[in-house]
């Protein structure tokens, strides 16, 4: 139960921090800059599991250790799943693929993003619509 609470808190903090990237006020200066990590998202199936595969590329000049988050929304915009992968290292310019599966059939909007291990946003949200058969 405590782990679920911690994951929910991490998500909420991430949501508000990332929403500031596209907002107004002081965050506008950050939004004008290219994010350190960029992504492309594609629907995928991996060893019989349907989900979302995301490629993140480190555009920084140095190695970074990051956490990758996936947030799944149903058609009425309720969060139905939160996935994450922690402490992945990227060398400068490296692209890595991350996969997050979800087993309930339906259509979902999935937002995924990267944060450093301290919690700072390193990407804007990368979104995709996924249909699970």
Protein backbone atom coordinates (compact mmCIF):
# COMPACT_ATOMS: atom_id res chain seq x y z
CA UNK A 1 0.00 0.00 0.00
CA UNK A 2 2.82 2.43 0.84
CA UNK A 3 4.48 1.69 -2.51
CA UNK A 4 1.27 2.62 -4.34
CA UNK A 5 1.09 5.86 -2.38
CA UNK A 6 4.72 6.69 -3.18
CA UNK A 7 4.18 5.98 -6.90
CA UNK A 8 1.09 8.20 -6.89
CA UNK A 9 3.04 11.00 -5.22
CA UNK A 10 5.88 10.64 -7.73
CA UNK A 11 3.36 10.84 -10.56
CA UNK A 12 1.61 13.89 -9.14
CA UNK A 13 4.91 15.72 -8.62
CA UNK A 14 5.99 14.75 -12.13
CA UNK A 15 2.69 15.90 -13.61
CA UNK A 16 2.85 19.33 -12.03
CA UNK A 17 6.55 19.79 -12.85
CA UNK A 18 6.07 18.77 -16.48
CA UNK A 19 2.89 20.78 -16.92
CA UNK A 20 4.98 23.84 -16.00
CA UNK A 21 7.16 23.27 -19.06
CA UNK A 22 4.30 24.24 -21.35
CA UNK A 23 2.71 26.81 -19.06
CA UNK A 24 3.20 30.51 -18.50
CA UNK A 25 5.41 32.44 -16.12
CA UNK A 26 9.00 31.47 -15.26
CA UNK A 27 8.67 28.06 -16.92
CA UNK A 28 8.37 29.70 -20.36
CA UNK A 29 12.16 30.13 -20.54
CA UNK A 30 12.60 26.36 -20.04
CA UNK A 31 9.90 25.55 -22.59
CA UNK A 32 11.71 27.54 -25.30
CA UNK A 33 14.81 25.38 -24.90
CA UNK A 34 15.16 21.99 -26.52
CA UNK A 35 14.58 19.30 -23.88
CA UNK A 36 17.62 17.17 -23.01
CA UNK A 37 15.70 14.02 -23.98
CA UNK A 38 13.43 13.60 -27.00
CA UNK A 39 11.18 10.66 -27.73
CA UNK A 40 9.15 8.79 -30.29
CA UNK A 41 6.38 6.43 -29.21
CA UNK A 42 4.96 3.42 -31.05
CA UNK A 43 2.46 0.71 -30.20
CA UNK A 44 4.21 -2.60 -29.81
CA UNK A 45 3.88 -6.22 -28.85
CA UNK A 46 6.71 -7.91 -26.99
CA UNK A 47 6.76 -11.62 -26.13
CA UNK A 48 2.97 -11.76 -26.32
CA UNK A 49 2.35 -8.57 -24.33
CA UNK A 50 0.75 -5.50 -25.93
CA UNK A 51 1.87 -2.08 -24.82
CA UNK A 52 3.86 1.00 -25.72
CA UNK A 53 7.46 1.12 -26.88
CA UNK A 54 9.21 4.47 -26.56
CA UNK A 55 12.60 5.56 -27.88
CA UNK A 56 14.30 8.25 -25.81
CA UNK A 57 17.46 9.97 -27.07
CA UNK A 58 19.91 11.76 -24.77
CA UNK A 59 20.73 15.07 -26.48
CA UNK A 60 23.08 16.17 -23.70
CA UNK A 61 26.86 16.18 -23.96
CA UNK A 62 27.23 13.94 -20.91
CA UNK A 63 26.01 10.64 -19.52
CA UNK A 64 22.74 10.79 -17.56
CA UNK A 65 21.00 8.36 -15.23
CA UNK A 66 17.24 8.72 -15.57
CA UNK A 67 13.85 7.35 -14.58
CA UNK A 68 11.25 6.71 -17.29
CA UNK A 69 7.52 6.91 -16.50
CA UNK A 70 4.43 5.70 -18.38
CA UNK A 71 0.98 6.98 -17.39
CA UNK A 72 -2.04 5.21 -18.97
CA UNK A 73 -5.43 6.96 -19.27
CA UNK A 74 -8.75 5.38 -20.24
CA UNK A 75 -11.22 7.14 -22.61
CA UNK A 76 -12.75 9.13 -19.72
CA UNK A 77 -9.29 10.44 -18.72
CA UNK A 78 -8.86 8.33 -15.58
CA UNK A 79 -5.40 7.02 -14.75
CA UNK A 80 -5.55 3.24 -15.02
CA UNK A 81 -1.87 2.30 -14.91
CA UNK A 82 1.48 3.84 -14.00
CA UNK A 83 4.64 2.12 -15.16
CA UNK A 84 8.23 3.09 -14.53
CA UNK A 85 11.81 2.05 -15.09
CA UNK A 86 14.45 3.42 -12.75
CA UNK A 87 18.17 4.21 -12.94
CA UNK A 88 18.78 3.71 -16.63
CA UNK A 89 22.08 5.18 -17.84
CA UNK A 90 22.35 6.97 -21.18
CA UNK A 91 25.63 8.00 -22.73
CA UNK A 92 25.70 11.27 -24.72
CA UNK A 93 23.67 10.86 -27.92
CA UNK A 94 22.47 7.35 -27.03
CA UNK A 95 18.95 6.17 -27.88
CA UNK A 96 17.26 3.49 -25.79
CA UNK A 97 13.92 1.74 -26.17
CA UNK A 98 11.60 1.23 -23.20
CA UNK A 99 8.52 -0.98 -23.21
CA UNK A 100 5.55 -0.86 -20.86
CA UNK A 101 2.78 -3.45 -21.15
CA UNK A 102 -0.83 -3.23 -20.07
CA UNK A 103 -3.09 -6.28 -20.13
CA UNK A 104 -6.65 -4.87 -20.09
CA UNK A 105 -8.17 -4.59 -23.55
CA UNK A 106 -9.29 -1.17 -24.71
CA UNK A 107 -8.06 2.13 -26.10
CA UNK A 108 -5.70 4.19 -23.95
CA UNK A 109 -3.80 7.45 -24.17
CA UNK A 110 -0.32 6.98 -22.75
CA UNK A 111 1.99 9.78 -21.67
CA UNK A 112 5.61 8.97 -21.05
CA UNK A 113 8.43 11.18 -19.85
CA UNK A 114 11.96 11.19 -18.41
CA UNK A 115 13.15 12.65 -15.12
CA UNK A 116 16.63 12.59 -13.64
CA UNK A 117 17.23 10.69 -10.40
CA UNK A 118 16.82 13.93 -8.41
CA UNK A 119 13.38 14.46 -9.94
CA UNK A 120 14.00 17.25 -12.47
CA UNK A 121 12.10 17.02 -15.76
CA UNK A 122 14.33 16.13 -18.72
CA UNK A 123 11.66 15.75 -21.39
CA UNK A 124 8.24 16.99 -22.27
CA UNK A 125 5.53 14.34 -22.30
CA UNK A 126 5.54 12.01 -25.29
CA UNK A 127 2.01 10.80 -26.01
CA UNK A 128 0.50 7.97 -28.02
CA UNK A 129 -2.84 6.23 -28.35
CA UNK A 130 -2.61 2.49 -27.76
CA UNK A 131 -5.24 -0.13 -28.57
CA UNK A 132 -4.92 -3.35 -26.56
CA UNK A 133 -6.76 -6.22 -28.31
